[in-house]
């Protein structure tokens, strides 16, 4: 039996592009934005899987697909072996409770007209987590869980700092006793000192409650700190997945190497080791044939321009989508 809680299989998602006046007059079809292009990965029970990549690469779109805010145009999202987009599964709200998402901006995701008590009570009552008499004790326990004072229950979102609002968002997610948390840029809007507090809280809660976490972020140092495994995504496609320490110490895909070399470092000796990518990031409306990264890759060969590399295991490392991973690894 698989130990994967979530299995994402060849997920594709394209958004219909806008047509200009000239497109209409010339009877040209709209150009679709290909946000996800065959994403496949497993989220194992109890782990934290980090997802990294440049802005616009599809990280947040993938997270939104998992919680059914977007419906894929192809592929499957399996939760405990069942496709969550099947009609029968969509009518069942159990999945909505068991897989919860926390957003980047806690202020816009919290109703400004509701107190913390009302926000959390709503989650408890909608999912019938307890009787009406048990609500006060549940709310008190949630405040203790996210390390907020009890008087926070009667305050509105605007009365809190960004870090406190994010704690309320975490409490709302935990109120329905989920198995999986999807953290989409959870701390990127917070000060660095507050980021550490929220991340340490999340790791503590994971250990205490046995949570499985998908951690989407652009801060590579943060991802390395929190993740057991890391998936690197480029133009809506996974190019490398592996153990966090192995991938950060010795990345196999040329895009992973460039991405990690661009991360800030306090070591002055590393300043001359940056990998500078040539060319520009292609548009998701016009993805290059073959390997999508070949237009920026210093290792490209004619094969890269015509054949799409499949994700495959690399001995002693993780899984990588590159025709020349073995040669690059030995450089």
Protein backbone atom coordinates (compact mmCIF):
# COMPACT_ATOMS: atom_id res chain seq x y z
CA UNK A 1 0.00 0.00 0.00
CA UNK A 2 1.31 3.44 -0.94
CA UNK A 3 2.29 5.81 1.88
CA UNK A 4 1.23 8.79 -0.28
CA UNK A 5 -1.68 10.85 1.04
CA UNK A 6 -1.98 12.90 -2.15
CA UNK A 7 -1.02 11.67 -5.61
CA UNK A 8 -0.89 14.22 -8.43
CA UNK A 9 -0.88 12.52 -11.80
CA UNK A 10 -0.05 14.36 -15.04
CA UNK A 11 -2.04 17.46 -14.07
CA UNK A 12 -2.52 20.07 -16.80
CA UNK A 13 -4.24 23.43 -16.51
CA UNK A 14 -4.67 26.03 -19.24
CA UNK A 15 -6.40 29.39 -18.79
CA UNK A 16 -8.09 30.87 -21.82
CA UNK A 17 -6.27 34.01 -22.90
CA UNK A 18 -7.91 37.27 -23.87
CA UNK A 19 -8.51 38.17 -27.50
CA UNK A 20 -7.58 41.65 -28.70
CA UNK A 21 -9.68 43.62 -31.17
CA UNK A 22 -7.22 42.67 -33.91
CA UNK A 23 -7.56 38.99 -32.98
CA UNK A 24 -11.33 39.23 -33.31
CA UNK A 25 -11.13 41.06 -36.65
CA UNK A 26 -8.63 38.54 -38.00
CA UNK A 27 -10.67 35.66 -36.58
CA UNK A 28 -7.67 34.41 -34.60
CA UNK A 29 -8.38 32.13 -31.62
CA UNK A 30 -7.34 33.12 -28.11
CA UNK A 31 -3.91 32.03 -26.92
CA UNK A 32 -4.18 29.86 -23.83
CA UNK A 33 -1.92 30.32 -20.81
CA UNK A 34 -0.44 26.89 -20.03
CA UNK A 35 -0.03 27.18 -16.26
CA UNK A 36 0.54 23.48 -15.48
CA UNK A 37 1.98 21.02 -17.98
CA UNK A 38 1.95 17.43 -16.79
CA UNK A 39 2.76 17.86 -13.09
CA UNK A 40 3.19 14.56 -11.25
CA UNK A 41 4.26 14.14 -7.62
CA UNK A 42 3.36 12.31 -4.41
CA UNK A 43 2.85 13.90 -1.01
CA UNK A 44 3.84 11.33 1.59
CA UNK A 45 2.15 11.01 4.96
CA UNK A 46 3.77 13.11 7.68
CA UNK A 47 6.30 14.87 5.45
CA UNK A 48 6.81 18.48 4.42
CA UNK A 49 7.25 18.79 0.67
CA UNK A 50 8.62 22.15 -0.48
CA UNK A 51 7.74 23.50 -3.93
CA UNK A 52 10.08 26.14 -5.36
CA UNK A 53 10.54 28.02 -8.62
CA UNK A 54 10.50 31.46 -10.19
CA UNK A 55 7.46 33.74 -10.02
CA UNK A 56 4.85 32.61 -12.52
CA UNK A 57 6.13 29.04 -12.73
CA UNK A 58 2.87 27.51 -11.48
CA UNK A 59 3.53 26.94 -7.75
CA UNK A 60 0.39 28.68 -6.46
CA UNK A 61 -1.71 27.36 -9.35
CA UNK A 62 -0.74 23.82 -8.34
CA UNK A 63 -1.69 24.54 -4.71
CA UNK A 64 -5.08 25.91 -5.81
CA UNK A 65 -5.71 22.84 -7.97
CA UNK A 66 -5.07 20.57 -5.01
CA UNK A 67 -7.75 22.32 -2.92
CA UNK A 68 -10.14 22.44 -5.93
CA UNK A 69 -10.10 26.20 -6.43
CA UNK A 70 -9.06 25.43 -10.01
CA UNK A 71 -10.16 22.37 -11.96
CA UNK A 72 -7.42 20.80 -14.11
CA UNK A 73 -7.96 20.48 -17.85
CA UNK A 74 -6.24 17.10 -17.65
CA UNK A 75 -4.81 14.62 -15.16
CA UNK A 76 -5.90 13.54 -11.68
CA UNK A 77 -5.54 14.61 -8.06
CA UNK A 78 -5.93 11.49 -5.93
CA UNK A 79 -6.61 11.63 -2.20
CA UNK A 80 -6.27 8.21 -0.61
CA UNK A 81 -6.72 6.68 -4.05
CA UNK A 82 -9.82 8.64 -5.10
CA UNK A 83 -9.93 11.35 -7.76
CA UNK A 84 -11.16 14.47 -5.95
CA UNK A 85 -12.62 15.91 -9.16
CA UNK A 86 -14.99 13.01 -9.79
CA UNK A 87 -18.65 14.22 -9.55
CA UNK A 88 -19.38 12.03 -6.51
CA UNK A 89 -16.26 13.28 -4.70
CA UNK A 90 -17.06 16.93 -5.46
CA UNK A 91 -20.42 16.55 -3.71
CA UNK A 92 -18.68 15.19 -0.62
CA UNK A 93 -17.33 17.99 1.59
CA UNK A 94 -15.09 15.62 3.54
CA UNK A 95 -12.13 16.42 1.30
CA UNK A 96 -12.61 20.17 1.93
CA UNK A 97 -12.13 19.49 5.63
CA UNK A 98 -9.23 17.04 5.37
CA UNK A 99 -7.12 19.19 3.03
CA UNK A 100 -6.90 22.82 4.14
CA UNK A 101 -5.13 25.76 2.51
CA UNK A 102 -3.49 28.79 4.12
CA UNK A 103 -2.89 31.84 1.95
CA UNK A 104 -0.14 34.43 1.60
CA UNK A 105 -2.22 37.42 2.73
CA UNK A 106 -4.11 36.57 5.94
CA UNK A 107 -5.91 39.91 5.95
CA UNK A 108 -7.69 39.37 2.63
CA UNK A 109 -8.48 35.74 3.51
CA UNK A 110 -10.14 36.70 6.84
CA UNK A 111 -13.55 38.37 6.86
CA UNK A 112 -12.88 41.92 8.21
CA UNK A 113 -16.46 42.14 9.57
CA UNK A 114 -16.12 39.06 11.76
CA UNK A 115 -14.31 38.63 15.06
CA UNK A 116 -11.87 35.78 15.55
CA UNK A 117 -14.58 33.99 17.56
CA UNK A 118 -17.01 34.23 14.66
CA UNK A 119 -14.41 33.18 12.08
CA UNK A 120 -13.42 30.06 14.00
CA UNK A 121 -16.97 29.23 15.10
CA UNK A 122 -18.09 29.30 11.48
CA UNK A 123 -15.49 26.70 10.54
CA UNK A 124 -16.53 24.47 13.45
CA UNK A 125 -20.26 24.67 12.75
CA UNK A 126 -20.15 24.37 8.95
CA UNK A 127 -18.19 21.13 9.21
CA UNK A 128 -20.10 19.99 12.33
CA UNK A 129 -16.93 19.47 14.32
CA UNK A 130 -18.64 19.72 17.73
CA UNK A 131 -21.90 20.54 19.47
CA UNK A 132 -22.86 24.15 20.20
CA UNK A 133 -22.03 23.66 23.88
CA UNK A 134 -18.51 22.47 23.02
CA UNK A 135 -17.65 25.47 20.80
CA UNK A 136 -16.25 27.72 23.60
CA UNK A 137 -13.80 25.07 24.83
CA UNK A 138 -12.76 24.29 21.25
CA UNK A 139 -12.06 27.97 20.60
CA UNK A 140 -10.04 28.26 23.78
CA UNK A 141 -7.98 25.22 22.79
CA UNK A 142 -7.31 26.64 19.31
CA UNK A 143 -6.01 29.90 20.82
CA UNK A 144 -3.63 27.93 23.02
CA UNK A 145 -2.57 25.82 20.04
CA UNK A 146 -1.46 28.84 17.97
CA UNK A 147 -0.13 30.72 21.02
CA UNK A 148 -2.57 33.64 21.05
CA UNK A 149 -4.19 35.15 24.19
CA UNK A 150 -7.83 34.32 24.90
CA UNK A 151 -8.95 37.94 24.48
CA UNK A 152 -7.95 37.66 20.79
CA UNK A 153 -11.27 35.86 20.23
CA UNK A 154 -13.23 39.11 20.50
CA UNK A 155 -11.03 41.21 18.21
CA UNK A 156 -11.32 41.90 14.48
CA UNK A 157 -8.59 41.09 11.91
CA UNK A 158 -7.50 44.75 11.58
CA UNK A 159 -6.60 44.80 15.28
CA UNK A 160 -3.83 42.24 14.80
CA UNK A 161 -0.34 42.33 13.32
CA UNK A 162 0.42 40.31 10.18
CA UNK A 163 1.96 37.49 12.20
CA UNK A 164 -1.04 37.31 14.52
CA UNK A 165 -3.44 37.24 11.58
CA UNK A 166 -1.49 34.35 10.11
CA UNK A 167 -1.83 32.50 13.44
CA UNK A 168 -5.60 32.99 13.20
CA UNK A 169 -5.54 31.60 9.66
CA UNK A 170 -3.62 28.57 10.95
CA UNK A 171 -6.15 28.15 13.78
CA UNK A 172 -9.03 28.27 11.28
CA UNK A 173 -7.36 25.55 9.20
CA UNK A 174 -6.72 23.38 12.26
CA UNK A 175 -10.28 23.84 13.57
CA UNK A 176 -11.56 21.19 11.16
CA UNK A 177 -8.83 18.68 12.08
CA UNK A 178 -7.21 18.35 8.64
CA UNK A 179 -4.71 15.71 7.55
CA UNK A 180 -2.99 17.91 4.96
CA UNK A 181 -2.08 21.61 5.04
CA UNK A 182 -1.30 23.52 1.86
CA UNK A 183 0.81 26.57 2.78
CA UNK A 184 0.93 28.97 -0.18
CA UNK A 185 3.67 31.55 0.46
CA UNK A 186 2.56 31.47 4.09
CA UNK A 187 5.16 33.87 5.49
CA UNK A 188 6.41 35.84 2.47
CA UNK A 189 4.42 38.96 3.49
CA UNK A 190 5.87 38.97 7.03
CA UNK A 191 9.04 40.41 8.59
CA UNK A 192 11.95 37.98 8.81
CA UNK A 193 11.77 37.68 12.61
CA UNK A 194 8.05 36.94 12.45
CA UNK A 195 8.60 34.44 9.65
CA UNK A 196 10.78 32.37 11.95
CA UNK A 197 8.10 32.36 14.68
CA UNK A 198 5.35 31.23 12.29
CA UNK A 199 7.51 28.55 10.64
CA UNK A 200 8.62 27.16 14.00
CA UNK A 201 4.99 27.12 15.14
CA UNK A 202 4.02 25.21 12.00
CA UNK A 203 6.78 22.65 12.51
CA UNK A 204 5.77 22.19 16.15
CA UNK A 205 2.12 21.69 15.16
CA UNK A 206 3.13 19.21 12.48
CA UNK A 207 4.98 17.09 15.03
CA UNK A 208 2.21 17.30 17.63
CA UNK A 209 -0.71 16.67 15.26
CA UNK A 210 0.90 14.42 12.66
CA UNK A 211 0.21 16.81 9.79
CA UNK A 212 1.34 16.48 6.17
CA UNK A 213 2.37 19.81 4.61
CA UNK A 214 2.88 21.09 1.08
CA UNK A 215 4.99 24.22 1.53
CA UNK A 216 5.00 26.58 -1.46
CA UNK A 217 7.61 29.35 -1.21
CA UNK A 218 10.19 31.33 -3.14
CA UNK A 219 12.58 31.72 -0.18
CA UNK A 220 15.00 28.83 -0.74
CA UNK A 221 16.65 29.04 2.68
CA UNK A 222 13.26 28.77 4.34
CA UNK A 223 12.29 25.78 2.18
CA UNK A 224 15.52 24.02 3.07
CA UNK A 225 14.81 24.58 6.78
CA UNK A 226 11.28 23.20 6.79
CA UNK A 227 11.18 20.55 4.05
CA UNK A 228 11.94 16.84 4.00
CA UNK A 229 11.79 16.80 0.19
CA UNK A 230 11.78 19.56 -2.43
CA UNK A 231 10.18 19.76 -5.89
CA UNK A 232 11.55 22.29 -8.37
CA UNK A 233 9.02 23.56 -10.92
CA UNK A 234 9.72 25.39 -14.19
CA UNK A 235 7.06 26.61 -16.63
CA UNK A 236 4.41 24.45 -15.03
CA UNK A 237 6.47 21.25 -15.05
CA UNK A 238 8.41 19.47 -12.30
CA UNK A 239 12.08 19.29 -13.32
CA UNK A 240 13.56 17.80 -10.15
CA UNK A 241 12.37 16.18 -6.91
CA UNK A 242 14.63 14.95 -4.16
CA UNK A 243 15.64 14.84 -0.53
CA UNK A 244 16.02 18.41 0.73
CA UNK A 245 19.64 18.21 1.90
CA UNK A 246 20.79 16.27 -1.17
CA UNK A 247 19.07 18.60 -3.63
CA UNK A 248 20.35 21.78 -1.98
CA UNK A 249 23.88 20.43 -1.61
CA UNK A 250 24.13 18.93 -5.09
CA UNK A 251 21.27 19.79 -7.50
CA UNK A 252 21.09 17.69 -10.68
CA UNK A 253 19.00 19.76 -13.09
CA UNK A 254 20.68 22.84 -14.65
CA UNK A 255 17.67 24.97 -13.70
CA UNK A 256 17.89 23.82 -10.07
CA UNK A 257 21.60 24.64 -10.10
CA UNK A 258 20.94 28.16 -11.41
CA UNK A 259 18.04 28.73 -9.01
CA UNK A 260 20.03 27.70 -5.96
CA UNK A 261 23.14 29.62 -7.01
CA UNK A 262 21.03 32.80 -7.15
CA UNK A 263 20.04 32.48 -3.46
CA UNK A 264 21.72 35.09 -1.19
CA UNK A 265 24.78 33.86 0.67
CA UNK A 266 26.95 35.32 3.44
CA UNK A 267 30.01 33.48 2.10
CA UNK A 268 32.11 35.95 0.02
CA UNK A 269 33.79 33.04 -1.79
CA UNK A 270 30.45 32.10 -3.39
CA UNK A 271 29.97 35.44 -5.13
CA UNK A 272 31.96 34.32 -8.15
CA UNK A 273 30.09 31.01 -8.46
CA UNK A 274 26.75 32.37 -9.60
CA UNK A 275 25.21 30.70 -12.64
CA UNK A 276 23.79 33.33 -14.98
CA UNK A 277 21.01 32.06 -17.21
CA UNK A 278 20.97 33.22 -20.81
CA UNK A 279 17.85 34.37 -22.60
CA UNK A 280 14.51 35.22 -21.05
CA UNK A 281 11.86 33.14 -19.33
CA UNK A 282 9.54 31.95 -22.13
CA UNK A 283 5.88 32.93 -22.05
CA UNK A 284 3.47 30.26 -20.75
CA UNK A 285 1.41 31.08 -23.86
CA UNK A 286 4.27 29.94 -26.10
CA UNK A 287 6.24 27.17 -24.41
CA UNK A 288 9.27 26.00 -26.42
CA UNK A 289 9.24 22.47 -27.92
CA UNK A 290 11.36 19.73 -26.41
CA UNK A 291 12.76 20.58 -23.00
CA UNK A 292 11.19 23.94 -22.04
CA UNK A 293 14.45 24.98 -20.36
CA UNK A 294 16.65 24.47 -23.44
CA UNK A 295 16.43 28.13 -24.54
CA UNK A 296 18.30 29.14 -21.34
CA UNK A 297 20.43 26.04 -20.73
CA UNK A 298 24.20 26.05 -21.18
CA UNK A 299 24.22 22.24 -21.56
CA UNK A 300 21.65 21.98 -24.37
CA UNK A 301 22.11 19.70 -27.37
CA UNK A 302 19.92 19.21 -30.48
CA UNK A 303 18.06 16.45 -28.64
CA UNK A 304 16.92 18.98 -26.01
CA UNK A 305 15.19 21.12 -28.65
CA UNK A 306 12.95 18.31 -29.90
CA UNK A 307 12.42 15.71 -27.14
CA UNK A 308 10.68 16.37 -23.84
CA UNK A 309 12.68 14.70 -21.02
CA UNK A 310 10.71 12.50 -18.62
CA UNK A 311 11.18 12.54 -14.85
CA UNK A 312 13.50 9.65 -14.03
CA UNK A 313 15.52 8.53 -11.02
CA UNK A 314 19.20 9.45 -10.90
CA UNK A 315 21.44 7.08 -8.95
CA UNK A 316 22.37 8.47 -5.55
CA UNK A 317 20.13 11.51 -5.99
CA UNK A 318 16.48 12.24 -6.59
CA UNK A 319 14.32 12.30 -9.70
CA UNK A 320 15.21 14.65 -12.55
CA UNK A 321 13.85 15.61 -15.98
CA UNK A 322 16.99 16.17 -18.02
CA UNK A 323 18.47 14.26 -20.98
CA UNK A 324 22.02 14.91 -19.77
CA UNK A 325 21.65 14.66 -15.98
CA UNK A 326 24.42 12.03 -15.65
CA UNK A 327 26.98 14.10 -17.56
CA UNK A 328 26.03 17.31 -15.71
CA UNK A 329 26.31 15.52 -12.34
CA UNK A 330 29.88 14.49 -13.13
CA UNK A 331 31.02 17.97 -14.19
